[in-house]
Amino acid sequence: LIVAAPVLALLIKGILWFATPLLAFHPMRVSHAIRWSFYAFIGNFLPMLLFSVLMFGILFIAVVPMLLGLLVAMPLYALVHYASYRQVFRDD
């Protein structure tokens, strides 16, 4: 149970990773956005895993100086999240 809860939380976060930008930038239903996000999660599992590990490290380092590093880390996280969305869902 102690291991299952974080794994389940990370799985749900991974499935919903792109649902918010899909809803913001494309006119679609929520169920459709979640489905597209799930397929993107399955198709890009290893890059998303690497991204998550790197961002965890950056956020951990940002928390050390009394949370002041988050002033840099959170905008960086938002920009990288948007860039990853644009890489997966290109409008060619």
PDB file of N, CA and C in Angstrom:
ATOM      1  N   LEU A   1       0.831  -1.205   0.000  1.00  0.00           N
ATOM      2  CA  LEU A   1       0.000   0.000   0.000  1.00  0.00           C
ATOM      3  C   LEU A   1       0.867   1.258   0.000  1.00  0.00           C
ATOM      4  N   ILE A   2       1.979   1.222   0.724  1.00  0.00           N
ATOM      5  CA  ILE A   2       2.844   2.394   0.790  1.00  0.00           C
ATOM      6  C   ILE A   2       3.497   2.665  -0.561  1.00  0.00           C
ATOM      7  N   VAL A   3       3.804   1.636  -1.303  1.00  0.00           N
ATOM      8  CA  VAL A   3       4.416   1.803  -2.622  1.00  0.00           C
ATOM      9  C   VAL A   3       3.346   2.013  -3.690  1.00  0.00           C
ATOM     10  N   ALA A   4       2.189   1.414  -3.523  1.00  0.00           N
ATOM     11  CA  ALA A   4       1.145   1.482  -4.541  1.00  0.00           C
ATOM     12  C   ALA A   4       0.559   2.887  -4.676  1.00  0.00           C
ATOM     13  N   ALA A   5       0.406   3.607  -3.588  1.00  0.00           N
ATOM     14  CA  ALA A   5      -0.206   4.938  -3.651  1.00  0.00           C
ATOM     15  C   ALA A   5       0.625   5.926  -4.468  1.00  0.00           C
ATOM     16  N   PRO A   6       1.941   6.064  -4.234  1.00  0.00           N
ATOM     17  CA  PRO A   6       2.714   6.975  -5.080  1.00  0.00           C
ATOM     18  C   PRO A   6       2.780   6.533  -6.540  1.00  0.00           C
ATOM     19  N   VAL A   7       2.855   5.241  -6.772  1.00  0.00           N
ATOM     20  CA  VAL A   7       2.889   4.748  -8.154  1.00  0.00           C
ATOM     21  C   VAL A   7       1.579   5.072  -8.857  1.00  0.00           C
ATOM     22  N   LEU A   8       0.465   4.880  -8.174  1.00  0.00           N
ATOM     23  CA  LEU A   8      -0.839   5.210  -8.754  1.00  0.00           C
ATOM     24  C   LEU A   8      -0.971   6.711  -8.997  1.00  0.00           C
ATOM     25  N   ALA A   9      -0.493   7.515  -8.062  1.00  0.00           N
ATOM     26  CA  ALA A   9      -0.540   8.970  -8.233  1.00  0.00           C
ATOM     27  C   ALA A   9       0.302   9.408  -9.425  1.00  0.00           C
ATOM     28  N   LEU A  10       1.493   8.827  -9.589  1.00  0.00           N
ATOM     29  CA  LEU A  10       2.337   9.175 -10.729  1.00  0.00           C
ATOM     30  C   LEU A  10       1.725   8.712 -12.041  1.00  0.00           C
ATOM     31  N   LEU A  11       1.070   7.567 -12.029  1.00  0.00           N
ATOM     32  CA  LEU A  11       0.404   7.075 -13.229  1.00  0.00           C
ATOM     33  C   LEU A  11      -0.734   8.006 -13.643  1.00  0.00           C
ATOM     34  N   ILE A  12      -1.527   8.432 -12.685  1.00  0.00           N
ATOM     35  CA  ILE A  12      -2.629   9.356 -12.986  1.00  0.00           C
ATOM     36  C   ILE A  12      -2.087  10.693 -13.471  1.00  0.00           C
ATOM     37  N   LYS A  13      -1.029  11.198 -12.835  1.00  0.00           N
ATOM     38  CA  LYS A  13      -0.410  12.443 -13.279  1.00  0.00           C
ATOM     39  C   LYS A  13       0.128  12.308 -14.696  1.00  0.00           C
ATOM     40  N   GLY A  14       0.716  11.165 -15.007  1.00  0.00           N
ATOM     41  CA  GLY A  14       1.230  10.946 -16.352  1.00  0.00           C
ATOM     42  C   GLY A  14       0.131  10.901 -17.390  1.00  0.00           C
ATOM     43  N   ILE A  15      -0.980  10.276 -17.034  1.00  0.00           N
ATOM     44  CA  ILE A  15      -2.096  10.186 -17.971  1.00  0.00           C
ATOM     45  C   ILE A  15      -2.717  11.559 -18.211  1.00  0.00           C
ATOM     46  N   LEU A  16      -2.772  12.389 -17.191  1.00  0.00           N
ATOM     47  CA  LEU A  16      -3.396  13.708 -17.320  1.00  0.00           C
ATOM     48  C   LEU A  16      -2.401  14.808 -17.684  1.00  0.00           C
ATOM     49  N   TRP A  17      -1.160  14.435 -17.989  1.00  0.00           N
ATOM     50  CA  TRP A  17      -0.087  15.399 -18.217  1.00  0.00           C
ATOM     51  C   TRP A  17      -0.439  16.436 -19.286  1.00  0.00           C
ATOM     52  N   PHE A  18      -0.953  15.991 -20.419  1.00  0.00           N
ATOM     53  CA  PHE A  18      -1.237  16.903 -21.526  1.00  0.00           C
ATOM     54  C   PHE A  18      -2.713  17.267 -21.630  1.00  0.00           C
ATOM     55  N   ALA A  19      -3.559  16.806 -20.720  1.00  0.00           N
ATOM     56  CA  ALA A  19      -4.991  17.074 -20.832  1.00  0.00           C
ATOM     57  C   ALA A  19      -5.292  18.562 -20.706  1.00  0.00           C
ATOM     58  N   THR A  20      -4.644  19.251 -19.788  1.00  0.00           N
ATOM     59  CA  THR A  20      -4.912  20.675 -19.594  1.00  0.00           C
ATOM     60  C   THR A  20      -4.524  21.508 -20.812  1.00  0.00           C
ATOM     61  N   PRO A  21      -3.299  21.357 -21.363  1.00  0.00           N
ATOM     62  CA  PRO A  21      -3.002  22.150 -22.560  1.00  0.00           C
ATOM     63  C   PRO A  21      -3.865  21.768 -23.766  1.00  0.00           C
ATOM     64  N   LEU A  22      -4.246  20.505 -23.850  1.00  0.00           N
ATOM     65  CA  LEU A  22      -5.130  20.126 -24.959  1.00  0.00           C
ATOM     66  C   LEU A  22      -6.462  20.841 -24.846  1.00  0.00           C
ATOM     67  N   LEU A  23      -6.991  20.932 -23.642  1.00  0.00           N
ATOM     68  CA  LEU A  23      -8.258  21.645 -23.455  1.00  0.00           C
ATOM     69  C   LEU A  23      -8.095  23.139 -23.686  1.00  0.00           C
ATOM     70  N   ALA A  24      -6.927  23.682 -23.343  1.00  0.00           N
ATOM     71  CA  ALA A  24      -6.708  25.117 -23.497  1.00  0.00           C
ATOM     72  C   ALA A  24      -6.503  25.529 -24.952  1.00  0.00           C
ATOM     73  N   PHE A  25      -5.834  24.690 -25.734  1.00  0.00           N
ATOM     74  CA  PHE A  25      -5.457  25.087 -27.086  1.00  0.00           C
ATOM     75  C   PHE A  25      -6.266  24.429 -28.198  1.00  0.00           C
ATOM     76  N   HIS A  26      -7.103  23.446 -27.864  1.00  0.00           N
ATOM     77  CA  HIS A  26      -7.898  22.759 -28.872  1.00  0.00           C
ATOM     78  C   HIS A  26      -9.342  22.648 -28.391  1.00  0.00           C
ATOM     79  N   PRO A  27     -10.294  22.895 -29.258  1.00  0.00           N
ATOM     80  CA  PRO A  27     -11.701  22.729 -28.848  1.00  0.00           C
ATOM     81  C   PRO A  27     -12.089  21.251 -28.845  1.00  0.00           C
ATOM     82  N   MET A  28     -12.081  20.641 -27.673  1.00  0.00           N
ATOM     83  CA  MET A  28     -12.438  19.223 -27.561  1.00  0.00           C
ATOM     84  C   MET A  28     -13.052  18.954 -26.197  1.00  0.00           C
ATOM     85  N   ARG A  29     -13.729  17.817 -26.109  1.00  0.00           N
ATOM     86  CA  ARG A  29     -14.330  17.404 -24.845  1.00  0.00           C
ATOM     87  C   ARG A  29     -13.242  16.918 -23.891  1.00  0.00           C
ATOM     88  N   VAL A  30     -13.570  16.910 -22.606  1.00  0.00           N
ATOM     89  CA  VAL A  30     -12.605  16.486 -21.591  1.00  0.00           C
ATOM     90  C   VAL A  30     -12.215  15.030 -21.794  1.00  0.00           C
ATOM     91  N   SER A  31     -13.168  14.172 -22.073  1.00  0.00           N
ATOM     92  CA  SER A  31     -12.860  12.753 -22.257  1.00  0.00           C
ATOM     93  C   SER A  31     -11.924  12.542 -23.450  1.00  0.00           C
ATOM     94  N   HIS A  32     -12.114  13.317 -24.491  1.00  0.00           N
ATOM     95  CA  HIS A  32     -11.251  13.215 -25.667  1.00  0.00           C
ATOM     96  C   HIS A  32      -9.831  13.688 -25.332  1.00  0.00           C
ATOM     97  N   ALA A  33      -9.712  14.772 -24.555  1.00  0.00           N
ATOM     98  CA  ALA A  33      -8.393  15.281 -24.165  1.00  0.00           C
ATOM     99  C   ALA A  33      -7.663  14.279 -23.279  1.00  0.00           C
ATOM    100  N   ILE A  34      -8.388  13.633 -22.371  1.00  0.00           N
ATOM    101  CA  ILE A  34      -7.769  12.631 -21.506  1.00  0.00           C
ATOM    102  C   ILE A  34      -7.304  11.441 -22.328  1.00  0.00           C
ATOM    103  N   ARG A  35      -8.085  11.038 -23.322  1.00  0.00           N
ATOM    104  CA  ARG A  35      -7.695   9.918 -24.185  1.00  0.00           C
ATOM    105  C   ARG A  35      -6.429  10.267 -24.968  1.00  0.00           C
ATOM    106  N   TRP A  36      -6.377  11.459 -25.557  1.00  0.00           N
ATOM    107  CA  TRP A  36      -5.188  11.872 -26.299  1.00  0.00           C
ATOM    108  C   TRP A  36      -3.973  11.960 -25.374  1.00  0.00           C
ATOM    109  N   SER A  37      -4.186  12.468 -24.167  1.00  0.00           N
ATOM    110  CA  SER A  37      -3.097  12.565 -23.206  1.00  0.00           C
ATOM    111  C   SER A  37      -2.591  11.180 -22.817  1.00  0.00           C
ATOM    112  N   PHE A  38      -3.493  10.226 -22.664  1.00  0.00           N
ATOM    113  CA  PHE A  38      -3.099   8.856 -22.334  1.00  0.00           C
ATOM    114  C   PHE A  38      -2.257   8.254 -23.447  1.00  0.00           C
ATOM    115  N   TYR A  39      -2.681   8.427 -24.698  1.00  0.00           N
ATOM    116  CA  TYR A  39      -1.897   7.899 -25.827  1.00  0.00           C
ATOM    117  C   TYR A  39      -0.529   8.569 -25.912  1.00  0.00           C
ATOM    118  N   ALA A  40      -0.462   9.864 -25.630  1.00  0.00           N
ATOM    119  CA  ALA A  40       0.829  10.559 -25.628  1.00  0.00           C
ATOM    120  C   ALA A  40       1.712  10.050 -24.499  1.00  0.00           C
ATOM    121  N   PHE A  41       1.106   9.747 -23.354  1.00  0.00           N
ATOM    122  CA  PHE A  41       1.855   9.202 -22.219  1.00  0.00           C
ATOM    123  C   PHE A  41       2.446   7.841 -22.561  1.00  0.00           C
ATOM    124  N   ILE A  42       1.656   6.976 -23.175  1.00  0.00           N
ATOM    125  CA  ILE A  42       2.137   5.645 -23.546  1.00  0.00           C
ATOM    126  C   ILE A  42       3.231   5.759 -24.609  1.00  0.00           C
ATOM    127  N   GLY A  43       3.036   6.623 -25.588  1.00  0.00           N
ATOM    128  CA  GLY A  43       4.002   6.752 -26.678  1.00  0.00           C
ATOM    129  C   GLY A  43       5.308   7.413 -26.277  1.00  0.00           C
ATOM    130  N   ASN A  44       5.303   8.183 -25.200  1.00  0.00           N
ATOM    131  CA  ASN A  44       6.498   8.912 -24.772  1.00  0.00           C
ATOM    132  C   ASN A  44       6.860   8.598 -23.324  1.00  0.00           C
ATOM    133  N   PHE A  45       6.713   7.352 -22.937  1.00  0.00           N
ATOM    134  CA  PHE A  45       6.917   6.991 -21.540  1.00  0.00           C
ATOM    135  C   PHE A  45       8.334   7.264 -21.060  1.00  0.00           C
ATOM    136  N   LEU A  46       9.337   6.816 -21.797  1.00  0.00           N
ATOM    137  CA  LEU A  46      10.726   6.996 -21.349  1.00  0.00           C
ATOM    138  C   LEU A  46      11.155   8.465 -21.313  1.00  0.00           C
ATOM    139  N   PRO A  47      10.857   9.283 -22.343  1.00  0.00           N
ATOM    140  CA  PRO A  47      11.200  10.704 -22.219  1.00  0.00           C
ATOM    141  C   PRO A  47      10.472  11.389 -21.065  1.00  0.00           C
ATOM    142  N   MET A  48       9.223  11.012 -20.819  1.00  0.00           N
ATOM    143  CA  MET A  48       8.500  11.624 -19.704  1.00  0.00           C
ATOM    144  C   MET A  48       9.075  11.179 -18.369  1.00  0.00           C
ATOM    145  N   LEU A  49       9.542   9.948 -18.296  1.00  0.00           N
ATOM    146  CA  LEU A  49      10.173   9.470 -17.071  1.00  0.00           C
ATOM    147  C   LEU A  49      11.468  10.233 -16.809  1.00  0.00           C
ATOM    148  N   LEU A  50      12.272  10.424 -17.840  1.00  0.00           N
ATOM    149  CA  LEU A  50      13.513  11.190 -17.706  1.00  0.00           C
ATOM    150  C   LEU A  50      13.209  12.632 -17.312  1.00  0.00           C
ATOM    151  N   PHE A  51      12.221  13.242 -17.952  1.00  0.00           N
ATOM    152  CA  PHE A  51      11.821  14.606 -17.627  1.00  0.00           C
ATOM    153  C   PHE A  51      11.386  14.707 -16.161  1.00  0.00           C
ATOM    154  N   SER A  52      10.616  13.741 -15.693  1.00  0.00           N
ATOM    155  CA  SER A  52      10.142  13.760 -14.312  1.00  0.00           C
ATOM    156  C   SER A  52      11.299  13.649 -13.327  1.00  0.00           C
ATOM    157  N   VAL A  53      12.257  12.786 -13.620  1.00  0.00           N
ATOM    158  CA  VAL A  53      13.407  12.626 -12.729  1.00  0.00           C
ATOM    159  C   VAL A  53      14.233  13.909 -12.695  1.00  0.00           C
ATOM    160  N   LEU A  54      14.468  14.510 -13.853  1.00  0.00           N
ATOM    161  CA  LEU A  54      15.242  15.757 -13.901  1.00  0.00           C
ATOM    162  C   LEU A  54      14.521  16.896 -13.184  1.00  0.00           C
ATOM    163  N   MET A  55      13.223  17.022 -13.394  1.00  0.00           N
ATOM    164  CA  MET A  55      12.481  18.089 -12.731  1.00  0.00           C
ATOM    165  C   MET A  55      12.401  17.862 -11.225  1.00  0.00           C
ATOM    166  N   PHE A  56      12.322  16.606 -10.792  1.00  0.00           N
ATOM    167  CA  PHE A  56      12.355  16.327  -9.356  1.00  0.00           C
ATOM    168  C   PHE A  56      13.673  16.796  -8.763  1.00  0.00           C
ATOM    169  N   GLY A  57      14.772  16.520  -9.459  1.00  0.00           N
ATOM    170  CA  GLY A  57      16.077  16.969  -8.979  1.00  0.00           C
ATOM    171  C   GLY A  57      16.177  18.485  -8.917  1.00  0.00           C
ATOM    172  N   ILE A  58      15.678  19.164  -9.958  1.00  0.00           N
ATOM    173  CA  ILE A  58      15.721  20.624  -9.980  1.00  0.00           C
ATOM    174  C   ILE A  58      14.850  21.196  -8.866  1.00  0.00           C
ATOM    175  N   LEU A  59      13.660  20.661  -8.686  1.00  0.00           N
ATOM    176  CA  LEU A  59      12.780  21.161  -7.625  1.00  0.00           C
ATOM    177  C   LEU A  59      13.342  20.856  -6.246  1.00  0.00           C
ATOM    178  N   PHE A  60      14.002  19.723  -6.078  1.00  0.00           N
ATOM    179  CA  PHE A  60      14.625  19.405  -4.790  1.00  0.00           C
ATOM    180  C   PHE A  60      15.729  20.406  -4.473  1.00  0.00           C
ATOM    181  N   ILE A  61      16.556  20.724  -5.462  1.00  0.00           N
ATOM    182  CA  ILE A  61      17.622  21.709  -5.262  1.00  0.00           C
ATOM    183  C   ILE A  61      17.030  23.093  -5.016  1.00  0.00           C
ATOM    184  N   ALA A  62      15.899  23.405  -5.665  1.00  0.00           N
ATOM    185  CA  ALA A  62      15.270  24.716  -5.494  1.00  0.00           C
ATOM    186  C   ALA A  62      14.671  24.892  -4.107  1.00  0.00           C
ATOM    187  N   VAL A  63      14.306  23.817  -3.458  1.00  0.00           N
ATOM    188  CA  VAL A  63      13.690  23.908  -2.132  1.00  0.00           C
ATOM    189  C   VAL A  63      14.746  24.160  -1.054  1.00  0.00           C
ATOM    190  N   VAL A  64      15.986  23.794  -1.310  1.00  0.00           N
ATOM    191  CA  VAL A  64      17.033  23.884  -0.287  1.00  0.00           C
ATOM    192  C   VAL A  64      17.226  25.316   0.233  1.00  0.00           C
ATOM    193  N   PRO A  65      17.339  26.356  -0.620  1.00  0.00           N
ATOM    194  CA  PRO A  65      17.557  27.701  -0.067  1.00  0.00           C
ATOM    195  C   PRO A  65      16.261  28.366   0.397  1.00  0.00           C
ATOM    196  N   MET A  66      15.605  27.759   1.354  1.00  0.00           N
ATOM    197  CA  MET A  66      14.368  28.280   1.967  1.00  0.00           C
ATOM    198  C   MET A  66      13.303  28.616   0.926  1.00  0.00           C
ATOM    199  N   LEU A  67      13.123  27.753  -0.044  1.00  0.00           N
ATOM    200  CA  LEU A  67      12.101  27.836  -1.080  1.00  0.00           C
ATOM    201  C   LEU A  67      12.296  28.996  -2.061  1.00  0.00           C
ATOM    202  N   LEU A  68      13.374  29.764  -1.937  1.00  0.00           N
ATOM    203  CA  LEU A  68      13.588  30.878  -2.860  1.00  0.00           C
ATOM    204  C   LEU A  68      13.963  30.402  -4.258  1.00  0.00           C
ATOM    205  N   GLY A  69      14.526  29.213  -4.361  1.00  0.00           N
ATOM    206  CA  GLY A  69      14.852  28.666  -5.670  1.00  0.00           C
ATOM    207  C   GLY A  69      13.622  28.369  -6.504  1.00  0.00           C
ATOM    208  N   LEU A  70      12.467  28.250  -5.851  1.00  0.00           N
ATOM    209  CA  LEU A  70      11.229  28.003  -6.596  1.00  0.00           C
ATOM    210  C   LEU A  70      10.838  29.197  -7.464  1.00  0.00           C
ATOM    211  N   LEU A  71      11.353  30.389  -7.135  1.00  0.00           N
ATOM    212  CA  LEU A  71      11.091  31.562  -7.981  1.00  0.00           C
ATOM    213  C   LEU A  71      11.684  31.375  -9.377  1.00  0.00           C
ATOM    214  N   VAL A  72      12.704  30.553  -9.487  1.00  0.00           N
ATOM    215  CA  VAL A  72      13.302  30.230 -10.782  1.00  0.00           C
ATOM    216  C   VAL A  72      12.759  28.908 -11.303  1.00  0.00           C
ATOM    217  N   ALA A  73      12.605  27.935 -10.424  1.00  0.00           N
ATOM    218  CA  ALA A  73      12.251  26.583 -10.846  1.00  0.00           C
ATOM    219  C   ALA A  73      10.817  26.487 -11.371  1.00  0.00           C
ATOM    220  N   MET A  74       9.869  27.174 -10.778  1.00  0.00           N
ATOM    221  CA  MET A  74       8.479  27.033 -11.215  1.00  0.00           C
ATOM    222  C   MET A  74       8.234  27.629 -12.604  1.00  0.00           C
ATOM    223  N   PRO A  75       8.738  28.841 -12.914  1.00  0.00           N
ATOM    224  CA  PRO A  75       8.601  29.302 -14.309  1.00  0.00           C
ATOM    225  C   PRO A  75       9.330  28.392 -15.296  1.00  0.00           C
ATOM    226  N   LEU A  76      10.487  27.871 -14.897  1.00  0.00           N
ATOM    227  CA  LEU A  76      11.208  26.930 -15.747  1.00  0.00           C
ATOM    228  C   LEU A  76      10.358  25.688 -15.997  1.00  0.00           C
ATOM    229  N   TYR A  77       9.724  25.177 -14.951  1.00  0.00           N
ATOM    230  CA  TYR A  77       8.857  24.009 -15.077  1.00  0.00           C
ATOM    231  C   TYR A  77       7.702  24.292 -16.046  1.00  0.00           C
ATOM    232  N   ALA A  78       7.080  25.466 -15.926  1.00  0.00           N
ATOM    233  CA  ALA A  78       5.973  25.809 -16.813  1.00  0.00           C
ATOM    234  C   ALA A  78       6.428  25.900 -18.268  1.00  0.00           C
ATOM    235  N   LEU A  79       7.572  26.513 -18.507  1.00  0.00           N
ATOM    236  CA  LEU A  79       8.082  26.649 -19.872  1.00  0.00           C
ATOM    237  C   LEU A  79       8.448  25.292 -20.477  1.00  0.00           C
ATOM    238  N   VAL A  80       9.071  24.440 -19.696  1.00  0.00           N
ATOM    239  CA  VAL A  80       9.477  23.129 -20.205  1.00  0.00           C
ATOM    240  C   VAL A  80       8.246  22.246 -20.426  1.00  0.00           C
ATOM    241  N   HIS A  81       7.243  22.385 -19.565  1.00  0.00           N
ATOM    242  CA  HIS A  81       6.004  21.628 -19.740  1.00  0.00           C
ATOM    243  C   HIS A  81       5.328  22.033 -21.052  1.00  0.00           C
ATOM    244  N   TYR A  82       5.276  23.336 -21.335  1.00  0.00           N
ATOM    245  CA  TYR A  82       4.685  23.803 -22.588  1.00  0.00           C
ATOM    246  C   TYR A  82       5.511  23.335 -23.792  1.00  0.00           C
ATOM    247  N   ALA A  83       6.836  23.392 -23.676  1.00  0.00           N
ATOM    248  CA  ALA A  83       7.689  22.950 -24.783  1.00  0.00           C
ATOM    249  C   ALA A  83       7.503  21.460 -25.052  1.00  0.00           C
ATOM    250  N   SER A  84       7.344  20.665 -24.005  1.00  0.00           N
ATOM    251  CA  SER A  84       7.127  19.232 -24.211  1.00  0.00           C
ATOM    252  C   SER A  84       5.771  18.982 -24.865  1.00  0.00           C
ATOM    253  N   TYR A  85       4.774  19.773 -24.496  1.00  0.00           N
ATOM    254  CA  TYR A  85       3.463  19.658 -25.144  1.00  0.00           C
ATOM    255  C   TYR A  85       3.580  19.978 -26.634  1.00  0.00           C
ATOM    256  N   ARG A  86       4.300  21.037 -26.970  1.00  0.00           N
ATOM    257  CA  ARG A  86       4.428  21.428 -28.384  1.00  0.00           C
ATOM    258  C   ARG A  86       5.208  20.382 -29.180  1.00  0.00           C
ATOM    259  N   GLN A  87       6.156  19.704 -28.549  1.00  0.00           N
ATOM    260  CA  GLN A  87       6.910  18.656 -29.241  1.00  0.00           C
ATOM    261  C   GLN A  87       6.033  17.445 -29.536  1.00  0.00           C
ATOM    262  N   VAL A  88       5.169  17.095 -28.605  1.00  0.00           N
ATOM    263  CA  VAL A  88       4.327  15.900 -28.792  1.00  0.00           C
ATOM    264  C   VAL A  88       3.171  16.202 -29.728  1.00  0.00           C
ATOM    265  N   PHE A  89       2.530  17.348 -29.577  1.00  0.00           N
ATOM    266  CA  PHE A  89       1.374  17.713 -30.403  1.00  0.00           C
ATOM    267  C   PHE A  89       1.747  18.845 -31.339  1.00  0.00           C
ATOM    268  N   ARG A  90       2.443  18.517 -32.386  1.00  0.00           N
ATOM    269  CA  ARG A  90       2.859  19.512 -33.373  1.00  0.00           C
ATOM    270  C   ARG A  90       1.695  19.865 -34.283  1.00  0.00           C
ATOM    271  N   ASP A  91       1.656  21.126 -34.686  1.00  0.00           N
ATOM    272  CA  ASP A  91       0.651  21.584 -35.663  1.00  0.00           C
ATOM    273  C   ASP A  91       1.347  21.807 -37.000  1.00  0.00           C
ATOM    274  N   ASP A  92       1.783  20.732 -37.616  1.00  0.00           N
ATOM    275  CA  ASP A  92       2.506  20.838 -38.890  1.00  0.00           C
ATOM    276  C   ASP A  92       1.582  21.189 -40.028  1.00  0.00           C
TER     277      ASP A  92
END
